[in-house]
Amino acid sequence: MNFYTNDKEYKILEKIALEAKSFDEIINNMDIDTPTLMISLTELELMNLIKQINNKGDYKNGNK
């Protein structure tokens, strides 16, 4: 695990490592509530580890 992330953020990164995922796909495959997911996604974006690729809430790995 990267020292920049917590367990929830690491699991999110694993979900979108190979391909972009929508917000719904991420939340449906994780045991996490919506506000916590939104906070985690924002924190990952601020660290440039992920990117939101459109206004529909699709996210991808920040390195791709």
Protein backbone atom coordinates (compact mmCIF):
# COMPACT_ATOMS: atom_id res chain seq x y z
CA MET A 1 0.00 0.00 0.00
CA ASN A 2 1.17 3.49 -0.79
CA PHE A 3 1.90 5.57 2.32
CA TYR A 4 -0.19 8.42 0.86
CA THR A 5 -3.46 6.49 1.05
CA ASN A 6 -5.63 4.79 3.64
CA ASP A 7 -7.23 1.37 3.17
CA LYS A 8 -10.39 2.74 1.54
CA GLU A 9 -8.41 4.84 -0.93
CA TYR A 10 -6.16 1.91 -1.75
CA LYS A 11 -9.20 -0.25 -2.53
CA ILE A 12 -10.54 2.48 -4.83
CA LEU A 13 -7.18 2.62 -6.63
CA GLU A 14 -7.31 -1.15 -7.10
CA LYS A 15 -10.79 -0.88 -8.63
CA ILE A 16 -9.70 1.62 -11.29
CA ALA A 17 -6.14 0.41 -11.85
CA LEU A 18 -6.77 -1.22 -15.22
CA GLU A 19 -9.74 0.68 -16.61
CA ALA A 20 -11.91 3.70 -15.90
CA LYS A 21 -14.90 3.12 -13.65
CA SER A 22 -18.01 5.13 -12.98
CA PHE A 23 -18.93 6.36 -9.53
CA ASP A 24 -21.76 3.81 -9.49
CA GLU A 25 -19.43 0.95 -10.41
CA ILE A 26 -17.04 1.92 -7.64
CA ILE A 27 -19.68 2.26 -4.93
CA ASN A 28 -21.55 -0.92 -5.97
CA ASN A 29 -18.37 -2.99 -5.59
CA MET A 30 -17.28 -1.61 -2.24
CA ASP A 31 -18.61 -1.61 1.30
CA ILE A 32 -18.50 2.17 1.64
CA ASP A 33 -21.10 4.91 2.06
CA THR A 34 -21.53 7.68 -0.52
CA PRO A 35 -20.11 10.59 1.54
CA THR A 36 -17.00 8.60 2.45
CA LEU A 37 -16.47 7.59 -1.18
CA MET A 38 -16.81 11.18 -2.34
CA ILE A 39 -14.24 12.34 0.22
CA SER A 40 -11.84 9.56 -0.76
CA LEU A 41 -12.19 10.30 -4.47
CA THR A 42 -11.53 13.99 -3.85
CA GLU A 43 -8.43 13.21 -1.78
CA LEU A 44 -7.12 10.87 -4.48
CA GLU A 45 -7.73 13.54 -7.13
CA LEU A 46 -5.86 16.12 -5.07
CA MET A 47 -2.90 13.72 -4.86
CA ASN A 48 -3.10 13.26 -8.68
CA LEU A 49 -3.57 9.52 -8.21
CA ILE A 50 -6.88 9.51 -10.09
CA LYS A 51 -8.63 11.79 -12.56
CA GLN A 52 -12.29 12.43 -13.21
CA ILE A 53 -12.57 12.06 -16.96
CA ASN A 54 -16.01 13.58 -17.53
CA ASN A 55 -18.88 15.27 -15.72
CA LYS A 56 -20.70 11.94 -15.33
CA GLY A 57 -18.41 10.79 -12.53
CA ASP A 58 -16.11 8.43 -14.40
CA TYR A 59 -12.66 8.05 -12.86
CA LYS A 60 -9.38 6.64 -14.14
CA ASN A 61 -5.90 6.09 -12.87
CA GLY A 62 -4.05 9.41 -12.70
CA ASN A 63 -0.96 7.90 -14.31
CA LYS A 64 -2.70 6.95 -17.55
